[in-house]
Amino acid sequence: MDPFETTVAGVRELGTDAVAIDVTTPAAFSARPGQFVKLSTTIGGETVGRFYTISSPDTDDTFELTVSYDPEEGGDFSEYLLSLETGDPITVTGPFGDNYYEDESRVVVLAGGPGIGPAVAIAERALADGGNAAIVYRDDEPVHEDRLAALSVAGAEVLVLTESTALTDAVGDVLTGTADEQVFVYGFAGFLEDAEDALEDAGAPMDGSKAENFG
């Protein structure tokens, strides 16, 4: 899969230490909510890249990437991303990933930290396609709150938890156990472990879920 160069269509602050980068969609590119791409650039004479999951419900015209960063330990690549402005060139490779939305009629997305990007994308797409959606999101500093509120108004079940809150009750509340229900899990390793325990308690083993470990 070869890298391609396109342009930044916009950059927006999302809250504490997070931005949304809108990327102009090249003619030959398409991706599903839940897939991810690699952004790369040259720093100090070396090519450096990072992977980011698509956080828009489609890739028509543009697609969105949600980028969280640590202001104290972000490093050179974070500084590069935060310096981007509308019209700047950007190098993208992808899409990658097999754990994405595939027209399921009911989606339940468990998201920790940066997992909120694919969570809102999948839920929005499912509702737009006439399906049902639920999100359980755990983060002490939530982002995409406007989109979560809009999803709730549109009929999705949205539960936002603090980092100290166990997932078990919330996961049990949103699972229906119907044959058309697909569970997605996105987040860091610790969150995936907690999600696995909560799903087991609810009688929905993790091996039936689509999951991505962000490290």
N, C-alpha and C. Protein backbone atom coordinates (compact mmCIF):
# COMPACT_ATOMS: atom_id res chain seq x y z
N MET A 1 0.84 -1.18 0.00
CA MET A 1 0.00 0.00 0.00
C MET A 1 0.89 1.24 0.00
N ASP A 2 0.77 2.03 -1.03
CA ASP A 2 1.67 3.18 -1.19
C ASP A 2 1.11 4.42 -0.50
N PRO A 3 1.99 5.25 0.08
CA PRO A 3 1.54 6.52 0.65
C PRO A 3 1.02 7.45 -0.45
N PHE A 4 0.12 8.33 -0.08
CA PHE A 4 -0.35 9.34 -1.02
C PHE A 4 -0.35 10.69 -0.32
N GLU A 5 -0.18 11.74 -1.11
CA GLU A 5 -0.15 13.07 -0.53
C GLU A 5 -1.47 13.77 -0.82
N THR A 6 -2.03 14.39 0.20
CA THR A 6 -3.25 15.17 0.06
C THR A 6 -3.07 16.44 0.90
N THR A 7 -4.16 17.09 1.27
CA THR A 7 -4.04 18.35 2.00
C THR A 7 -4.93 18.34 3.24
N VAL A 8 -4.58 19.19 4.17
CA VAL A 8 -5.39 19.39 5.38
C VAL A 8 -6.57 20.29 5.03
N ALA A 9 -7.77 19.83 5.34
CA ALA A 9 -8.98 20.62 5.06
C ALA A 9 -9.39 21.47 6.25
N GLY A 10 -8.87 21.16 7.44
CA GLY A 10 -9.20 21.95 8.61
C GLY A 10 -8.65 21.31 9.87
N VAL A 11 -8.45 22.13 10.90
CA VAL A 11 -7.99 21.65 12.20
C VAL A 11 -8.86 22.31 13.26
N ARG A 12 -9.40 21.51 14.19
CA ARG A 12 -10.30 22.03 15.22
C ARG A 12 -9.91 21.51 16.60
N GLU A 13 -9.97 22.39 17.59
CA GLU A 13 -9.76 21.97 18.97
C GLU A 13 -10.97 21.18 19.44
N LEU A 14 -10.73 20.09 20.17
CA LEU A 14 -11.82 19.26 20.65
C LEU A 14 -12.02 19.35 22.16
N GLY A 15 -11.07 19.91 22.84
CA GLY A 15 -11.12 19.92 24.29
C GLY A 15 -9.70 19.86 24.81
N THR A 16 -9.53 19.27 25.98
CA THR A 16 -8.22 19.21 26.60
C THR A 16 -7.30 18.27 25.82
N ASP A 17 -6.23 18.83 25.24
CA ASP A 17 -5.17 18.05 24.60
C ASP A 17 -5.68 17.13 23.50
N ALA A 18 -6.57 17.63 22.66
CA ALA A 18 -7.06 16.85 21.53
C ALA A 18 -7.51 17.79 20.41
N VAL A 19 -7.23 17.39 19.19
CA VAL A 19 -7.67 18.14 18.02
C VAL A 19 -8.27 17.18 17.00
N ALA A 20 -9.11 17.72 16.13
CA ALA A 20 -9.62 16.97 14.99
C ALA A 20 -8.95 17.52 13.74
N ILE A 21 -8.37 16.64 12.94
CA ILE A 21 -7.75 17.04 11.68
C ILE A 21 -8.62 16.50 10.55
N ASP A 22 -9.14 17.40 9.73
CA ASP A 22 -9.91 17.01 8.56
C ASP A 22 -8.96 16.94 7.37
N VAL A 23 -9.03 15.81 6.66
CA VAL A 23 -8.13 15.54 5.54
C VAL A 23 -8.94 15.47 4.25
N THR A 24 -8.46 16.11 3.21
CA THR A 24 -9.14 16.05 1.91
C THR A 24 -9.02 14.64 1.34
N THR A 25 -10.14 14.07 0.92
CA THR A 25 -10.17 12.70 0.44
C THR A 25 -9.74 12.63 -1.03
N PRO A 26 -8.67 11.91 -1.33
CA PRO A 26 -8.27 11.72 -2.72
C PRO A 26 -9.31 10.88 -3.47
N ALA A 27 -9.32 10.98 -4.77
CA ALA A 27 -10.34 10.31 -5.59
C ALA A 27 -10.37 8.80 -5.38
N ALA A 28 -9.24 8.17 -5.18
CA ALA A 28 -9.18 6.71 -5.10
C ALA A 28 -9.30 6.17 -3.69
N PHE A 29 -9.53 7.05 -2.71
CA PHE A 29 -9.52 6.61 -1.31
C PHE A 29 -10.93 6.42 -0.77
N SER A 30 -11.14 5.34 -0.06
CA SER A 30 -12.37 5.15 0.71
C SER A 30 -12.06 4.28 1.91
N ALA A 31 -12.81 4.47 2.99
CA ALA A 31 -12.58 3.70 4.22
C ALA A 31 -13.86 3.64 5.01
N ARG A 32 -13.92 2.66 5.90
CA ARG A 32 -15.07 2.45 6.76
C ARG A 32 -14.79 3.00 8.16
N PRO A 33 -15.83 3.43 8.89
CA PRO A 33 -15.63 3.84 10.28
C PRO A 33 -15.01 2.70 11.09
N GLY A 34 -13.95 3.00 11.79
CA GLY A 34 -13.23 1.98 12.55
C GLY A 34 -11.91 1.59 11.92
N GLN A 35 -11.73 1.89 10.63
CA GLN A 35 -10.43 1.66 10.02
C GLN A 35 -9.47 2.80 10.38
N PHE A 36 -8.19 2.61 10.11
CA PHE A 36 -7.21 3.63 10.48
C PHE A 36 -6.22 3.86 9.35
N VAL A 37 -5.53 4.98 9.44
CA VAL A 37 -4.52 5.36 8.44
C VAL A 37 -3.23 5.72 9.16
N LYS A 38 -2.17 5.78 8.39
CA LYS A 38 -0.87 6.20 8.91
C LYS A 38 -0.55 7.58 8.35
N LEU A 39 -0.23 8.50 9.24
CA LEU A 39 0.27 9.81 8.84
C LEU A 39 1.78 9.80 8.98
N SER A 40 2.48 10.39 8.03
CA SER A 40 3.94 10.39 8.10
C SER A 40 4.50 11.70 7.60
N THR A 41 5.72 11.99 8.06
CA THR A 41 6.44 13.17 7.62
C THR A 41 7.93 12.92 7.83
N THR A 42 8.76 13.83 7.39
CA THR A 42 10.20 13.72 7.57
C THR A 42 10.65 14.66 8.68
N ILE A 43 11.30 14.08 9.69
CA ILE A 43 11.80 14.87 10.82
C ILE A 43 13.28 14.52 11.01
N GLY A 44 14.13 15.52 10.93
CA GLY A 44 15.56 15.28 11.09
C GLY A 44 16.13 14.34 10.05
N GLY A 45 15.58 14.37 8.85
CA GLY A 45 16.07 13.51 7.77
C GLY A 45 15.52 12.10 7.78
N GLU A 46 14.66 11.77 8.73
CA GLU A 46 14.08 10.43 8.81
C GLU A 46 12.57 10.49 8.67
N THR A 47 12.00 9.48 8.02
CA THR A 47 10.55 9.39 7.90
C THR A 47 9.97 8.86 9.20
N VAL A 48 9.01 9.59 9.75
CA VAL A 48 8.38 9.22 11.01
C VAL A 48 6.87 9.16 10.78
N GLY A 49 6.21 8.14 11.33
CA GLY A 49 4.77 8.01 11.14
C GLY A 49 4.06 7.51 12.37
N ARG A 50 2.76 7.80 12.44
CA ARG A 50 1.89 7.32 13.51
C ARG A 50 0.55 6.91 12.90
N PHE A 51 -0.15 6.00 13.60
CA PHE A 51 -1.44 5.53 13.12
C PHE A 51 -2.57 6.23 13.86
N TYR A 52 -3.62 6.59 13.11
CA TYR A 52 -4.79 7.26 13.69
C TYR A 52 -6.06 6.68 13.07
N THR A 53 -7.05 6.43 13.93
CA THR A 53 -8.30 5.84 13.47
C THR A 53 -9.22 6.92 12.93
N ILE A 54 -9.90 6.61 11.85
CA ILE A 54 -10.83 7.55 11.24
C ILE A 54 -12.00 7.79 12.19
N SER A 55 -12.34 9.06 12.40
CA SER A 55 -13.41 9.40 13.34
C SER A 55 -14.60 10.10 12.68
N SER A 56 -14.69 9.99 11.36
CA SER A 56 -15.86 10.50 10.65
C SER A 56 -16.68 9.32 10.15
N PRO A 57 -18.00 9.49 10.01
CA PRO A 57 -18.85 8.38 9.60
C PRO A 57 -18.67 7.95 8.16
N ASP A 58 -18.04 8.80 7.35
CA ASP A 58 -17.75 8.44 5.96
C ASP A 58 -16.50 9.19 5.52
N THR A 59 -16.07 8.93 4.29
CA THR A 59 -14.88 9.61 3.75
C THR A 59 -15.24 10.40 2.50
N ASP A 60 -16.49 10.80 2.37
CA ASP A 60 -16.92 11.62 1.24
C ASP A 60 -16.30 13.01 1.36
N ASP A 61 -15.57 13.42 0.35
CA ASP A 61 -14.94 14.75 0.28
C ASP A 61 -13.79 14.91 1.28
N THR A 62 -14.06 14.69 2.57
CA THR A 62 -13.01 14.76 3.59
C THR A 62 -13.21 13.61 4.59
N PHE A 63 -12.19 13.34 5.38
CA PHE A 63 -12.35 12.44 6.51
C PHE A 63 -11.61 13.01 7.71
N GLU A 64 -12.09 12.63 8.90
CA GLU A 64 -11.58 13.23 10.13
C GLU A 64 -10.73 12.24 10.91
N LEU A 65 -9.68 12.76 11.52
CA LEU A 65 -8.83 12.00 12.44
C LEU A 65 -8.83 12.73 13.77
N THR A 66 -9.08 12.00 14.85
CA THR A 66 -9.03 12.57 16.19
C THR A 66 -7.65 12.31 16.78
N VAL A 67 -6.96 13.36 17.15
CA VAL A 67 -5.58 13.24 17.63
C VAL A 67 -5.49 13.74 19.06
N SER A 68 -5.20 12.82 19.98
CA SER A 68 -4.93 13.20 21.37
C SER A 68 -3.42 13.30 21.56
N TYR A 69 -2.98 14.19 22.43
CA TYR A 69 -1.55 14.38 22.61
C TYR A 69 -1.24 14.74 24.05
N ASP A 70 -0.01 14.50 24.44
CA ASP A 70 0.49 14.87 25.75
C ASP A 70 1.33 16.14 25.58
N PRO A 71 0.91 17.27 26.13
CA PRO A 71 1.65 18.52 25.92
C PRO A 71 3.05 18.50 26.48
N GLU A 72 3.33 17.59 27.41
CA GLU A 72 4.65 17.54 28.03
C GLU A 72 5.54 16.47 27.41
N GLU A 73 4.94 15.41 26.86
CA GLU A 73 5.73 14.30 26.35
C GLU A 73 5.35 13.93 24.91
N GLY A 74 4.76 14.85 24.18
CA GLY A 74 4.26 14.53 22.85
C GLY A 74 5.34 14.24 21.83
N GLY A 75 6.46 14.90 21.92
CA GLY A 75 7.55 14.67 20.98
C GLY A 75 7.40 15.41 19.68
N ASP A 76 8.35 15.17 18.78
CA ASP A 76 8.42 15.91 17.53
C ASP A 76 7.23 15.66 16.62
N PHE A 77 6.73 14.42 16.60
CA PHE A 77 5.62 14.15 15.68
C PHE A 77 4.35 14.85 16.15
N SER A 78 4.11 14.89 17.44
CA SER A 78 2.96 15.63 17.95
C SER A 78 3.08 17.11 17.62
N GLU A 79 4.29 17.65 17.76
CA GLU A 79 4.49 19.06 17.41
C GLU A 79 4.20 19.30 15.93
N TYR A 80 4.59 18.33 15.09
CA TYR A 80 4.30 18.45 13.65
C TYR A 80 2.79 18.49 13.41
N LEU A 81 2.06 17.57 14.02
CA LEU A 81 0.61 17.52 13.81
C LEU A 81 -0.06 18.80 14.31
N LEU A 82 0.37 19.28 15.46
CA LEU A 82 -0.24 20.47 16.03
C LEU A 82 0.09 21.74 15.25
N SER A 83 1.11 21.66 14.41
CA SER A 83 1.48 22.83 13.60
C SER A 83 0.71 22.89 12.28
N LEU A 84 -0.03 21.83 11.96
CA LEU A 84 -0.72 21.78 10.67
C LEU A 84 -1.81 22.83 10.59
N GLU A 85 -1.96 23.38 9.37
CA GLU A 85 -3.00 24.37 9.10
C GLU A 85 -3.73 24.00 7.82
N THR A 86 -4.89 24.58 7.62
CA THR A 86 -5.66 24.32 6.42
C THR A 86 -4.83 24.60 5.17
N GLY A 87 -4.83 23.64 4.24
CA GLY A 87 -4.09 23.78 3.00
C GLY A 87 -2.71 23.15 3.02
N ASP A 88 -2.21 22.78 4.20
CA ASP A 88 -0.89 22.15 4.29
C ASP A 88 -0.93 20.76 3.65
N PRO A 89 0.16 20.33 3.01
CA PRO A 89 0.23 18.96 2.50
C PRO A 89 0.35 17.96 3.64
N ILE A 90 -0.17 16.76 3.44
CA ILE A 90 -0.08 15.72 4.45
C ILE A 90 0.00 14.38 3.75
N THR A 91 0.88 13.50 4.26
CA THR A 91 1.11 12.19 3.64
C THR A 91 0.36 11.12 4.42
N VAL A 92 -0.43 10.33 3.71
CA VAL A 92 -1.32 9.34 4.32
C VAL A 92 -1.10 7.99 3.66
N THR A 93 -1.12 6.93 4.44
CA THR A 93 -1.10 5.56 3.93
C THR A 93 -2.29 4.81 4.52
N GLY A 94 -2.96 4.02 3.72
CA GLY A 94 -4.08 3.24 4.24
C GLY A 94 -5.22 3.17 3.26
N PRO A 95 -6.37 2.69 3.74
CA PRO A 95 -6.69 2.38 5.13
C PRO A 95 -6.21 0.99 5.55
N PHE A 96 -6.11 0.83 6.88
CA PHE A 96 -5.75 -0.44 7.50
C PHE A 96 -6.87 -0.88 8.45
N GLY A 97 -6.79 -2.13 8.87
CA GLY A 97 -7.68 -2.62 9.91
C GLY A 97 -8.84 -3.45 9.41
N ASP A 98 -9.16 -4.49 10.17
CA ASP A 98 -10.25 -5.39 9.82
C ASP A 98 -11.44 -5.28 10.77
N ASN A 99 -11.30 -4.51 11.85
CA ASN A 99 -12.36 -4.44 12.86
C ASN A 99 -13.12 -3.13 12.73
N TYR A 100 -13.98 -3.09 11.74
CA TYR A 100 -14.69 -1.86 11.42
C TYR A 100 -16.17 -2.14 11.17
N TYR A 101 -16.92 -1.08 11.02
CA TYR A 101 -18.37 -1.16 10.79
C TYR A 101 -18.66 -1.76 9.42
N GLU A 102 -19.52 -2.77 9.41
CA GLU A 102 -19.90 -3.44 8.17
C GLU A 102 -21.41 -3.57 8.05
N ASP A 103 -22.10 -2.45 8.23
CA ASP A 103 -23.55 -2.37 8.05
C ASP A 103 -24.34 -3.17 9.08
N GLU A 104 -23.77 -3.40 10.26
CA GLU A 104 -24.52 -4.08 11.31
C GLU A 104 -25.72 -3.22 11.74
N SER A 105 -26.84 -3.86 12.04
CA SER A 105 -28.06 -3.10 12.34
C SER A 105 -28.09 -2.55 13.77
N ARG A 106 -27.32 -3.16 14.69
CA ARG A 106 -27.15 -2.57 16.02
C ARG A 106 -25.69 -2.65 16.42
N VAL A 107 -25.14 -1.51 16.82
CA VAL A 107 -23.74 -1.46 17.23
C VAL A 107 -23.65 -1.01 18.67
N VAL A 108 -22.76 -1.64 19.42
CA VAL A 108 -22.43 -1.23 20.79
C VAL A 108 -20.93 -0.99 20.82
N VAL A 109 -20.52 0.24 21.09
CA VAL A 109 -19.10 0.58 21.05
C VAL A 109 -18.62 0.92 22.45
N LEU A 110 -17.63 0.19 22.92
CA LEU A 110 -16.98 0.46 24.19
C LEU A 110 -15.68 1.20 23.88
N ALA A 111 -15.54 2.39 24.42
CA ALA A 111 -14.41 3.25 24.05
C ALA A 111 -13.70 3.78 25.28
N GLY A 112 -12.38 3.68 25.26
CA GLY A 112 -11.56 4.26 26.31
C GLY A 112 -10.61 5.26 25.70
N GLY A 113 -10.52 6.47 26.27
CA GLY A 113 -9.58 7.47 25.77
C GLY A 113 -9.75 7.74 24.29
N PRO A 114 -8.68 7.54 23.48
CA PRO A 114 -8.76 7.85 22.05
C PRO A 114 -9.72 6.96 21.27
N GLY A 115 -10.25 5.93 21.92
CA GLY A 115 -11.24 5.09 21.25
C GLY A 115 -12.53 5.82 20.93
N ILE A 116 -12.71 7.04 21.46
CA ILE A 116 -13.93 7.78 21.19
C ILE A 116 -14.03 8.18 19.72
N GLY A 117 -12.90 8.32 19.03
CA GLY A 117 -12.95 8.68 17.60
C GLY A 117 -13.75 7.68 16.78
N PRO A 118 -13.32 6.41 16.74
CA PRO A 118 -14.09 5.42 16.01
C PRO A 118 -15.48 5.20 16.61
N ALA A 119 -15.63 5.42 17.91
CA ALA A 119 -16.94 5.20 18.54
C ALA A 119 -18.00 6.12 17.95
N VAL A 120 -17.71 7.42 17.90
CA VAL A 120 -18.71 8.35 17.36
C VAL A 120 -18.92 8.12 15.88
N ALA A 121 -17.85 7.77 15.16
CA ALA A 121 -17.98 7.53 13.72
C ALA A 121 -18.90 6.34 13.44
N ILE A 122 -18.70 5.25 14.16
CA ILE A 122 -19.50 4.05 13.94
C ILE A 122 -20.96 4.30 14.34
N ALA A 123 -21.17 4.94 15.48
CA ALA A 123 -22.53 5.20 15.94
C ALA A 123 -23.27 6.12 14.97
N GLU A 124 -22.61 7.17 14.50
CA GLU A 124 -23.26 8.08 13.55
C GLU A 124 -23.61 7.38 12.25
N ARG A 125 -22.70 6.54 11.77
CA ARG A 125 -22.95 5.83 10.52
C ARG A 125 -24.11 4.83 10.69
N ALA A 126 -24.13 4.13 11.81
CA ALA A 126 -25.20 3.16 12.05
C ALA A 126 -26.56 3.85 12.08
N LEU A 127 -26.66 4.98 12.77
CA LEU A 127 -27.93 5.70 12.81
C LEU A 127 -28.31 6.22 11.43
N ALA A 128 -27.33 6.73 10.68
CA ALA A 128 -27.60 7.23 9.34
C ALA A 128 -28.11 6.13 8.42
N ASP A 129 -27.67 4.90 8.68
CA ASP A 129 -28.09 3.75 7.88
C ASP A 129 -29.40 3.13 8.37
N GLY A 130 -30.01 3.75 9.38
CA GLY A 130 -31.28 3.25 9.88
C GLY A 130 -31.17 2.24 11.00
N GLY A 131 -29.96 2.08 11.57
CA GLY A 131 -29.75 1.12 12.64
C GLY A 131 -29.82 1.75 14.02
N ASN A 132 -29.38 0.99 15.02
CA ASN A 132 -29.36 1.44 16.41
C ASN A 132 -27.92 1.47 16.91
N ALA A 133 -27.68 2.30 17.93
CA ALA A 133 -26.31 2.43 18.43
C ALA A 133 -26.28 2.72 19.91
N ALA A 134 -25.23 2.23 20.57
CA ALA A 134 -24.96 2.55 21.97
C ALA A 134 -23.46 2.75 22.13
N ILE A 135 -23.07 3.70 22.99
CA ILE A 135 -21.67 3.96 23.29
C ILE A 135 -21.48 3.97 24.80
N VAL A 136 -20.47 3.23 25.27
CA VAL A 136 -19.99 3.36 26.64
C VAL A 136 -18.57 3.92 26.54
N TYR A 137 -18.36 5.13 27.04
CA TYR A 137 -17.11 5.86 26.87
C TYR A 137 -16.54 6.22 28.24
N ARG A 138 -15.30 5.82 28.48
CA ARG A 138 -14.66 6.10 29.77
C ARG A 138 -13.45 6.99 29.59
N ASP A 139 -13.51 8.18 30.20
CA ASP A 139 -12.40 9.13 30.11
C ASP A 139 -12.67 10.25 31.10
N ASP A 140 -11.64 10.65 31.84
CA ASP A 140 -11.81 11.76 32.78
C ASP A 140 -11.90 13.11 32.08
N GLU A 141 -11.42 13.18 30.85
CA GLU A 141 -11.47 14.43 30.09
C GLU A 141 -12.08 14.14 28.73
N PRO A 142 -13.39 13.93 28.67
CA PRO A 142 -14.03 13.50 27.43
C PRO A 142 -13.94 14.54 26.32
N VAL A 143 -13.86 14.04 25.09
CA VAL A 143 -13.88 14.90 23.90
C VAL A 143 -15.06 14.47 23.02
N HIS A 144 -15.29 15.21 21.96
CA HIS A 144 -16.43 14.96 21.06
C HIS A 144 -17.76 15.00 21.83
N GLU A 145 -17.82 15.86 22.86
CA GLU A 145 -19.04 15.93 23.66
C GLU A 145 -20.23 16.43 22.85
N ASP A 146 -19.99 17.32 21.88
CA ASP A 146 -21.09 17.81 21.05
C ASP A 146 -21.68 16.68 20.20
N ARG A 147 -20.82 15.84 19.67
CA ARG A 147 -21.31 14.73 18.86
C ARG A 147 -21.99 13.67 19.72
N LEU A 148 -21.49 13.43 20.91
CA LEU A 148 -22.15 12.50 21.82
C LEU A 148 -23.54 13.00 22.19
N ALA A 149 -23.66 14.30 22.44
CA ALA A 149 -24.96 14.87 22.77
C ALA A 149 -25.92 14.73 21.58
N ALA A 150 -25.42 14.98 20.38
CA ALA A 150 -26.26 14.86 19.19
C ALA A 150 -26.70 13.41 18.97
N LEU A 151 -25.80 12.47 19.23
CA LEU A 151 -26.15 11.06 19.10
C LEU A 151 -27.24 10.68 20.09
N SER A 152 -27.14 11.19 21.32
CA SER A 152 -28.15 10.91 22.32
C SER A 152 -29.51 11.44 21.89
N VAL A 153 -29.54 12.66 21.37
CA VAL A 153 -30.78 13.26 20.88
C VAL A 153 -31.36 12.44 19.73
N ALA A 154 -30.47 11.87 18.90
CA ALA A 154 -30.91 11.10 17.74
C ALA A 154 -31.36 9.69 18.10
N GLY A 155 -31.23 9.30 19.36
CA GLY A 155 -31.74 8.01 19.78
C GLY A 155 -30.71 6.99 20.23
N ALA A 156 -29.43 7.34 20.17
CA ALA A 156 -28.40 6.41 20.63
C ALA A 156 -28.33 6.41 22.16
N GLU A 157 -27.93 5.28 22.72
CA GLU A 157 -27.66 5.22 24.15
C GLU A 157 -26.21 5.64 24.36
N VAL A 158 -26.00 6.66 25.18
CA VAL A 158 -24.65 7.19 25.40
C VAL A 158 -24.39 7.25 26.90
N LEU A 159 -23.38 6.51 27.35
CA LEU A 159 -22.98 6.51 28.76
C LEU A 159 -21.52 6.97 28.83
N VAL A 160 -21.27 8.06 29.56
CA VAL A 160 -19.92 8.59 29.74
C VAL A 160 -19.49 8.35 31.19
N LEU A 161 -18.38 7.65 31.37
CA LEU A 161 -17.91 7.25 32.70
C LEU A 161 -16.57 7.90 33.01
N THR A 162 -16.27 8.04 34.29
CA THR A 162 -14.94 8.48 34.70
C THR A 162 -13.99 7.29 34.68
N GLU A 163 -12.70 7.56 34.74
CA GLU A 163 -11.68 6.52 34.69
C GLU A 163 -11.80 5.55 35.87
N SER A 164 -12.32 6.02 36.98
CA SER A 164 -12.41 5.17 38.17
C SER A 164 -13.67 4.31 38.19
N THR A 165 -14.54 4.47 37.20
CA THR A 165 -15.80 3.74 37.18
C THR A 165 -15.65 2.39 36.50
N ALA A 166 -16.12 1.35 37.12
CA ALA A 166 -16.09 0.02 36.50
C ALA A 166 -17.05 -0.02 35.31
N LEU A 167 -16.71 -0.84 34.34
CA LEU A 167 -17.51 -0.93 33.13
C LEU A 167 -18.70 -1.88 33.25
N THR A 168 -18.69 -2.75 34.23
CA THR A 168 -19.62 -3.87 34.27
C THR A 168 -21.08 -3.45 34.17
N ASP A 169 -21.52 -2.52 35.02
CA ASP A 169 -22.93 -2.14 35.02
C ASP A 169 -23.33 -1.47 33.71
N ALA A 170 -22.48 -0.57 33.22
CA ALA A 170 -22.81 0.15 31.98
C ALA A 170 -22.89 -0.80 30.80
N VAL A 171 -21.95 -1.73 30.71
CA VAL A 171 -21.96 -2.69 29.61
C VAL A 171 -23.20 -3.56 29.69
N GLY A 172 -23.55 -4.01 30.89
CA GLY A 172 -24.75 -4.80 31.06
C GLY A 172 -26.01 -4.05 30.67
N ASP A 173 -26.01 -2.73 30.90
CA ASP A 173 -27.19 -1.92 30.57
C ASP A 173 -27.41 -1.77 29.07
N VAL A 174 -26.33 -1.70 28.28
CA VAL A 174 -26.51 -1.41 26.86
C VAL A 174 -26.61 -2.66 25.99
N LEU A 175 -26.14 -3.80 26.48
CA LEU A 175 -26.20 -5.01 25.68
C LEU A 175 -27.62 -5.56 25.66
N THR A 176 -28.07 -5.96 24.47
CA THR A 176 -29.40 -6.56 24.33
C THR A 176 -29.32 -8.06 24.11
N GLY A 177 -28.16 -8.55 23.62
CA GLY A 177 -28.01 -9.97 23.37
C GLY A 177 -28.70 -10.46 22.12
N THR A 178 -29.20 -9.55 21.29
CA THR A 178 -29.88 -9.95 20.06
C THR A 178 -28.86 -10.38 19.01
N ALA A 179 -29.30 -11.18 18.07
CA ALA A 179 -28.40 -11.74 17.06
C ALA A 179 -27.81 -10.67 16.16
N ASP A 180 -28.50 -9.55 16.01
CA ASP A 180 -28.03 -8.51 15.09
C ASP A 180 -27.11 -7.50 15.77
N GLU A 181 -26.73 -7.74 17.02
CA GLU A 181 -25.91 -6.78 17.77
C GLU A 181 -24.43 -7.09 17.61
N GLN A 182 -23.65 -6.06 17.26
CA GLN A 182 -22.20 -6.21 17.13
C GLN A 182 -21.51 -5.29 18.13
N VAL A 183 -20.60 -5.86 18.92
CA VAL A 183 -19.83 -5.09 19.90
C VAL A 183 -18.48 -4.72 19.30
N PHE A 184 -18.10 -3.46 19.48
CA PHE A 184 -16.78 -2.96 19.10
C PHE A 184 -16.08 -2.46 20.36
N VAL A 185 -14.77 -2.67 20.45
CA VAL A 185 -13.99 -2.21 21.60
C VAL A 185 -12.74 -1.50 21.09
N TYR A 186 -12.56 -0.25 21.50
CA TYR A 186 -11.41 0.54 21.06
C TYR A 186 -10.78 1.25 22.26
N GLY A 187 -9.47 1.10 22.43
CA GLY A 187 -8.78 1.79 23.51
C GLY A 187 -7.43 1.18 23.79
N PHE A 188 -6.79 1.64 24.85
CA PHE A 188 -5.50 1.10 25.25
C PHE A 188 -5.69 -0.27 25.91
N ALA A 189 -4.59 -0.97 26.11
CA ALA A 189 -4.63 -2.36 26.57
C ALA A 189 -5.40 -2.52 27.89
N GLY A 190 -5.18 -1.61 28.83
CA GLY A 190 -5.87 -1.72 30.11
C GLY A 190 -7.38 -1.62 29.97
N PHE A 191 -7.81 -0.74 29.06
CA PHE A 191 -9.26 -0.62 28.83
C PHE A 191 -9.81 -1.88 28.20
N LEU A 192 -9.08 -2.46 27.25
CA LEU A 192 -9.55 -3.69 26.62
C LEU A 192 -9.67 -4.82 27.62
N GLU A 193 -8.77 -4.87 28.58
CA GLU A 193 -8.86 -5.90 29.62
C GLU A 193 -10.12 -5.70 30.46
N ASP A 194 -10.39 -4.44 30.83
CA ASP A 194 -11.59 -4.16 31.61
C ASP A 194 -12.85 -4.47 30.80
N ALA A 195 -12.82 -4.13 29.52
CA ALA A 195 -13.96 -4.41 28.65
C ALA A 195 -14.20 -5.90 28.53
N GLU A 196 -13.13 -6.67 28.40
CA GLU A 196 -13.27 -8.13 28.30
C GLU A 196 -13.94 -8.70 29.55
N ASP A 197 -13.52 -8.21 30.73
CA ASP A 197 -14.11 -8.68 31.97
C ASP A 197 -15.60 -8.32 32.03
N ALA A 198 -15.93 -7.10 31.63
CA ALA A 198 -17.32 -6.66 31.67
C ALA A 198 -18.19 -7.45 30.70
N LEU A 199 -17.66 -7.74 29.52
CA LEU A 199 -18.41 -8.53 28.54
C LEU A 199 -18.62 -9.95 29.02
N GLU A 200 -17.60 -10.52 29.65
CA GLU A 200 -17.73 -11.87 30.20
C GLU A 200 -18.84 -11.90 31.26
N ASP A 201 -18.85 -10.89 32.13
CA ASP A 201 -19.87 -10.82 33.17
C ASP A 201 -21.27 -10.70 32.57
N ALA A 202 -21.36 -10.05 31.41
CA ALA A 202 -22.65 -9.84 30.76
C ALA A 202 -23.04 -11.01 29.86
N GLY A 203 -22.18 -12.03 29.79
CA GLY A 203 -22.49 -13.18 28.95
C GLY A 203 -22.23 -12.95 27.48
N ALA A 204 -21.34 -12.02 27.17
CA ALA A 204 -21.00 -11.70 25.78
C ALA A 204 -19.49 -11.76 25.62
N PRO A 205 -18.90 -12.94 25.45
CA PRO A 205 -17.45 -13.08 25.40
C PRO A 205 -16.78 -12.16 24.39
N MET A 206 -15.58 -11.74 24.73
CA MET A 206 -14.82 -10.80 23.90
C MET A 206 -14.54 -11.36 22.50
N ASP A 207 -14.48 -12.67 22.36
CA ASP A 207 -14.13 -13.23 21.05
C ASP A 207 -15.20 -12.97 20.01
N GLY A 208 -16.35 -12.49 20.42
CA GLY A 208 -17.37 -12.11 19.45
C GLY A 208 -17.34 -10.65 19.08
N SER A 209 -16.40 -9.91 19.67
CA SER A 209 -16.30 -8.46 19.45
C SER A 209 -15.27 -8.13 18.38
N LYS A 210 -15.40 -6.94 17.83
CA LYS A 210 -14.37 -6.38 16.97
C LYS A 210 -13.59 -5.38 17.81
N ALA A 211 -12.30 -5.60 17.99
CA ALA A 211 -11.51 -4.81 18.92
C ALA A 211 -10.20 -4.34 18.30
N GLU A 212 -9.77 -3.13 18.72
CA GLU A 212 -8.47 -2.60 18.34
C GLU A 212 -7.77 -2.12 19.61
N ASN A 213 -6.55 -2.61 19.81
CA ASN A 213 -5.71 -2.22 20.94
C ASN A 213 -4.80 -1.08 20.49
N PHE A 214 -4.92 0.09 21.12
CA PHE A 214 -4.13 1.25 20.73
C PHE A 214 -2.76 1.29 21.41
N GLY A 215 -2.41 0.21 22.12
CA GLY A 215 -1.07 0.16 22.68
C GLY A 215 -1.08 0.13 24.20
